[in-house]
Amino acid sequence: MFVGQFYHNLDDKSRLTIPAAYRELISAGGGAYLMRGFEQNLMLFTFTSFGVISDRIIRMSLTDSNARQLRRLIFSNAVNVEFDKAGRILLPQFLRDIAEINTEAVIVGVGNFVEIWSPKIWAAQQEQLNDIKSTADRFAVFELPSV
């Protein structure tokens, strides 16, 4: 499971070091796909997880305009990524532009995938999550079990 958050700088070739624990999970999942996220971020999925998502999208009806839009959003904004010897992945310019990632990124574990954020946009997300009342109200509908 991907958990935690890490700040890393991009090198001069726009490569980002992925934490070792995440690399192990990604390698166990057969590699990775990097794609545009839904909140001006990037999402890094294992090959297996991306396969589940893509299979579901491919089964959607071509006559549904929302399904076609989702196909365009997902597949035109995704790339297969590989780790170099130093555990880095290349962040393509078009994805960096979408997420406003320049020299530094925040790598965030969110369970079964990883998000990559610009520090500025991640800080705004953190502000939303730090609003205790709104957060409690927003997530109450999920009825999380007590442990």
C-alpha atoms as a PDB file:
ATOM      1  CA  MET A   1       0.000   0.000   0.000  1.00  0.00           C
ATOM      2  CA  PHE A   2       1.257   3.471  -0.910  1.00  0.00           C
ATOM      3  CA  VAL A   3       1.260   5.770   2.143  1.00  0.00           C
ATOM      4  CA  GLY A   4       3.055   8.929   3.229  1.00  0.00           C
ATOM      5  CA  GLN A   5       4.356  12.004   1.433  1.00  0.00           C
ATOM      6  CA  PHE A   6       7.803  12.868   0.171  1.00  0.00           C
ATOM      7  CA  TYR A   7       9.306  16.034  -1.296  1.00  0.00           C
ATOM      8  CA  HIS A   8      11.862  15.584  -4.076  1.00  0.00           C
ATOM      9  CA  ASN A   9      13.535  17.873  -6.597  1.00  0.00           C
ATOM     10  CA  LEU A  10      13.468  17.157 -10.307  1.00  0.00           C
ATOM     11  CA  ASP A  11      16.876  16.891 -11.904  1.00  0.00           C
ATOM     12  CA  ASP A  12      17.935  18.942 -14.941  1.00  0.00           C
ATOM     13  CA  LYS A  13      16.410  16.310 -17.277  1.00  0.00           C
ATOM     14  CA  SER A  14      12.994  16.458 -15.529  1.00  0.00           C
ATOM     15  CA  ARG A  15      13.444  13.141 -13.758  1.00  0.00           C
ATOM     16  CA  LEU A  16      11.890  12.592 -10.351  1.00  0.00           C
ATOM     17  CA  THR A  17      13.209  10.156  -7.759  1.00  0.00           C
ATOM     18  CA  ILE A  18      10.489   7.828  -6.524  1.00  0.00           C
ATOM     19  CA  PRO A  19      10.859   6.625  -2.905  1.00  0.00           C
ATOM     20  CA  ALA A  20      12.378   3.140  -2.608  1.00  0.00           C
ATOM     21  CA  ALA A  21       9.326   1.644  -0.873  1.00  0.00           C
ATOM     22  CA  TYR A  22       7.111   2.858  -3.711  1.00  0.00           C
ATOM     23  CA  ARG A  23       9.520   1.511  -6.333  1.00  0.00           C
ATOM     24  CA  GLU A  24       9.300  -1.941  -4.771  1.00  0.00           C
ATOM     25  CA  LEU A  25       5.496  -1.894  -4.903  1.00  0.00           C
ATOM     26  CA  ILE A  26       5.505  -0.603  -8.478  1.00  0.00           C
ATOM     27  CA  SER A  27       8.005  -3.232  -9.601  1.00  0.00           C
ATOM     28  CA  ALA A  28       5.865  -5.923  -7.959  1.00  0.00           C
ATOM     29  CA  GLY A  29       2.914  -4.548  -9.967  1.00  0.00           C
ATOM     30  CA  GLY A  30       4.748  -4.998 -13.267  1.00  0.00           C
ATOM     31  CA  GLY A  31       5.851  -1.412 -13.927  1.00  0.00           C
ATOM     32  CA  ALA A  32       3.944   1.864 -14.015  1.00  0.00           C
ATOM     33  CA  TYR A  33       1.846   4.319 -15.959  1.00  0.00           C
ATOM     34  CA  LEU A  34       1.871   8.029 -15.237  1.00  0.00           C
ATOM     35  CA  MET A  35      -1.241  10.004 -16.137  1.00  0.00           C
ATOM     36  CA  ARG A  36      -2.990  13.278 -15.626  1.00  0.00           C
ATOM     37  CA  GLY A  37      -4.890  13.413 -12.352  1.00  0.00           C
ATOM     38  CA  PHE A  38      -8.279  14.936 -11.661  1.00  0.00           C
ATOM     39  CA  GLU A  39      -7.141  17.804  -9.374  1.00  0.00           C
ATOM     40  CA  GLN A  40      -4.276  19.343 -11.357  1.00  0.00           C
ATOM     41  CA  ASN A  41      -1.925  16.603 -10.235  1.00  0.00           C
ATOM     42  CA  LEU A  42      -0.408  13.458 -11.721  1.00  0.00           C
ATOM     43  CA  MET A  43      -1.299   9.871 -10.861  1.00  0.00           C
ATOM     44  CA  LEU A  44       1.149   6.970 -10.936  1.00  0.00           C
ATOM     45  CA  PHE A  45      -0.446   3.528 -11.223  1.00  0.00           C
ATOM     46  CA  THR A  46       1.115   0.111 -11.270  1.00  0.00           C
ATOM     47  CA  PHE A  47       0.786  -1.652 -14.604  1.00  0.00           C
ATOM     48  CA  THR A  48      -1.760  -3.997 -13.026  1.00  0.00           C
ATOM     49  CA  SER A  49      -3.919  -1.204 -11.581  1.00  0.00           C
ATOM     50  CA  PHE A  50      -3.816   0.810 -14.794  1.00  0.00           C
ATOM     51  CA  GLY A  51      -4.878  -2.337 -16.648  1.00  0.00           C
ATOM     52  CA  VAL A  52      -7.980  -2.652 -14.467  1.00  0.00           C
ATOM     53  CA  ILE A  53      -8.901   0.983 -15.149  1.00  0.00           C
ATOM     54  CA  SER A  54      -8.223   0.798 -18.877  1.00  0.00           C
ATOM     55  CA  ASP A  55     -10.175  -2.463 -19.256  1.00  0.00           C
ATOM     56  CA  ARG A  56     -13.181  -0.845 -17.641  1.00  0.00           C
ATOM     57  CA  ILE A  57     -12.948   2.244 -19.847  1.00  0.00           C
ATOM     58  CA  ILE A  58     -12.539   0.171 -23.003  1.00  0.00           C
ATOM     59  CA  ARG A  59     -15.728  -1.743 -22.178  1.00  0.00           C
ATOM     60  CA  MET A  60     -17.733   1.502 -22.054  1.00  0.00           C
ATOM     61  CA  SER A  61     -19.988   2.250 -24.988  1.00  0.00           C
ATOM     62  CA  LEU A  62     -18.483   4.240 -27.836  1.00  0.00           C
ATOM     63  CA  THR A  63     -21.879   5.863 -28.339  1.00  0.00           C
ATOM     64  CA  ASP A  64     -21.697   7.525 -24.915  1.00  0.00           C
ATOM     65  CA  SER A  65     -20.092  10.966 -25.264  1.00  0.00           C
ATOM     66  CA  ASN A  66     -18.917  10.980 -21.617  1.00  0.00           C
ATOM     67  CA  ALA A  67     -17.207   7.628 -22.138  1.00  0.00           C
ATOM     68  CA  ARG A  68     -15.422   8.999 -25.215  1.00  0.00           C
ATOM     69  CA  GLN A  69     -14.324  12.066 -23.242  1.00  0.00           C
ATOM     70  CA  LEU A  70     -13.025   9.842 -20.446  1.00  0.00           C
ATOM     71  CA  ARG A  71     -11.050   7.765 -22.983  1.00  0.00           C
ATOM     72  CA  ARG A  72      -9.467  10.936 -24.339  1.00  0.00           C
ATOM     73  CA  LEU A  73      -8.692  12.252 -20.876  1.00  0.00           C
ATOM     74  CA  ILE A  74      -7.100   9.022 -19.654  1.00  0.00           C
ATOM     75  CA  PHE A  75      -5.307   7.578 -22.665  1.00  0.00           C
ATOM     76  CA  SER A  76      -4.062  10.755 -24.335  1.00  0.00           C
ATOM     77  CA  ASN A  77      -2.604  11.953 -21.042  1.00  0.00           C
ATOM     78  CA  ALA A  78      -0.865   8.747 -19.933  1.00  0.00           C
ATOM     79  CA  VAL A  79       2.642   7.418 -20.490  1.00  0.00           C
ATOM     80  CA  ASN A  80       4.394   4.204 -19.571  1.00  0.00           C
ATOM     81  CA  VAL A  81       7.307   5.030 -17.269  1.00  0.00           C
ATOM     82  CA  GLU A  82      10.396   3.083 -16.334  1.00  0.00           C
ATOM     83  CA  PHE A  83      12.861   3.596 -13.510  1.00  0.00           C
ATOM     84  CA  ASP A  84      16.443   4.440 -14.333  1.00  0.00           C
ATOM     85  CA  LYS A  85      19.309   3.026 -12.246  1.00  0.00           C
ATOM     86  CA  ALA A  86      18.851   5.809  -9.665  1.00  0.00           C
ATOM     87  CA  GLY A  87      15.116   5.104  -9.209  1.00  0.00           C
ATOM     88  CA  ARG A  88      13.944   8.116 -11.192  1.00  0.00           C
ATOM     89  CA  ILE A  89      11.136   8.462 -13.719  1.00  0.00           C
ATOM     90  CA  LEU A  90      10.858  11.049 -16.460  1.00  0.00           C
ATOM     91  CA  LEU A  91       8.000  13.525 -16.092  1.00  0.00           C
ATOM     92  CA  PRO A  92       7.109  14.585 -19.646  1.00  0.00           C
ATOM     93  CA  GLN A  93       6.721  18.313 -20.258  1.00  0.00           C
ATOM     94  CA  PHE A  94       3.020  18.111 -21.154  1.00  0.00           C
ATOM     95  CA  LEU A  95       2.237  16.421 -17.812  1.00  0.00           C
ATOM     96  CA  ARG A  96       4.466  18.832 -15.863  1.00  0.00           C
ATOM     97  CA  ASP A  97       2.589  21.711 -17.496  1.00  0.00           C
ATOM     98  CA  ILE A  98      -0.803  20.288 -16.469  1.00  0.00           C
ATOM     99  CA  ALA A  99       0.311  19.827 -12.852  1.00  0.00           C
ATOM    100  CA  GLU A 100       2.439  23.006 -12.711  1.00  0.00           C
ATOM    101  CA  ILE A 101       5.463  20.985 -11.604  1.00  0.00           C
ATOM    102  CA  ASN A 102       8.722  22.819 -12.220  1.00  0.00           C
ATOM    103  CA  THR A 103      11.686  22.011  -9.992  1.00  0.00           C
ATOM    104  CA  GLU A 104      10.132  20.248  -7.005  1.00  0.00           C
ATOM    105  CA  ALA A 105       7.313  17.742  -6.514  1.00  0.00           C
ATOM    106  CA  VAL A 106       5.430  16.147  -3.665  1.00  0.00           C
ATOM    107  CA  ILE A 107       4.960  12.390  -4.002  1.00  0.00           C
ATOM    108  CA  VAL A 108       1.898  11.246  -2.060  1.00  0.00           C
ATOM    109  CA  GLY A 109       0.755   7.710  -1.336  1.00  0.00           C
ATOM    110  CA  VAL A 110      -3.018   7.320  -1.561  1.00  0.00           C
ATOM    111  CA  GLY A 111      -3.540   3.605  -1.046  1.00  0.00           C
ATOM    112  CA  ASN A 112      -3.394   1.735  -4.333  1.00  0.00           C
ATOM    113  CA  PHE A 113      -1.684   4.478  -6.351  1.00  0.00           C
ATOM    114  CA  VAL A 114       0.585   7.500  -6.030  1.00  0.00           C
ATOM    115  CA  GLU A 115      -0.159  11.152  -6.684  1.00  0.00           C
ATOM    116  CA  ILE A 116       2.461  13.700  -7.726  1.00  0.00           C
ATOM    117  CA  TRP A 117       1.768  17.360  -6.958  1.00  0.00           C
ATOM    118  CA  SER A 118       3.441  20.710  -7.246  1.00  0.00           C
ATOM    119  CA  PRO A 119       4.238  21.882  -3.697  1.00  0.00           C
ATOM    120  CA  LYS A 120       2.014  24.951  -4.155  1.00  0.00           C
ATOM    121  CA  ILE A 121      -1.074  22.997  -5.246  1.00  0.00           C
ATOM    122  CA  TRP A 122      -0.434  20.298  -2.616  1.00  0.00           C
ATOM    123  CA  ALA A 123      -0.352  23.027   0.074  1.00  0.00           C
ATOM    124  CA  ALA A 124      -3.802  24.169  -1.072  1.00  0.00           C
ATOM    125  CA  GLN A 125      -5.051  20.576  -0.820  1.00  0.00           C
ATOM    126  CA  GLN A 126      -3.610  20.348   2.678  1.00  0.00           C
ATOM    127  CA  GLU A 127      -5.438  23.543   3.688  1.00  0.00           C
ATOM    128  CA  GLN A 128      -8.728  21.959   2.638  1.00  0.00           C
ATOM    129  CA  LEU A 129      -7.951  18.809   4.606  1.00  0.00           C
ATOM    130  CA  ASN A 130      -6.921  20.866   7.662  1.00  0.00           C
ATOM    131  CA  ASP A 131     -10.405  22.395   7.885  1.00  0.00           C
ATOM    132  CA  ILE A 132     -11.538  19.928  10.549  1.00  0.00           C
ATOM    133  CA  LYS A 133     -15.274  20.674  10.432  1.00  0.00           C
ATOM    134  CA  SER A 134     -15.541  20.519   6.643  1.00  0.00           C
ATOM    135  CA  THR A 135     -13.410  17.387   6.490  1.00  0.00           C
ATOM    136  CA  ALA A 136     -15.513  15.575   9.106  1.00  0.00           C
ATOM    137  CA  ASP A 137     -18.752  16.513   7.316  1.00  0.00           C
ATOM    138  CA  ARG A 138     -17.392  15.622   3.866  1.00  0.00           C
ATOM    139  CA  PHE A 139     -16.221  12.157   4.864  1.00  0.00           C
ATOM    140  CA  ALA A 140     -19.051  11.185   7.246  1.00  0.00           C
ATOM    141  CA  VAL A 141     -21.024   9.680   4.349  1.00  0.00           C
ATOM    142  CA  PHE A 142     -18.351   7.003   3.894  1.00  0.00           C
ATOM    143  CA  GLU A 143     -19.176   5.438   7.280  1.00  0.00           C
ATOM    144  CA  LEU A 144     -15.610   4.356   8.023  1.00  0.00           C
ATOM    145  CA  PRO A 145     -15.578   1.503  10.547  1.00  0.00           C
ATOM    146  CA  SER A 146     -14.094   1.844  14.014  1.00  0.00           C
ATOM    147  CA  VAL A 147     -11.098  -0.364  14.727  1.00  0.00           C
END
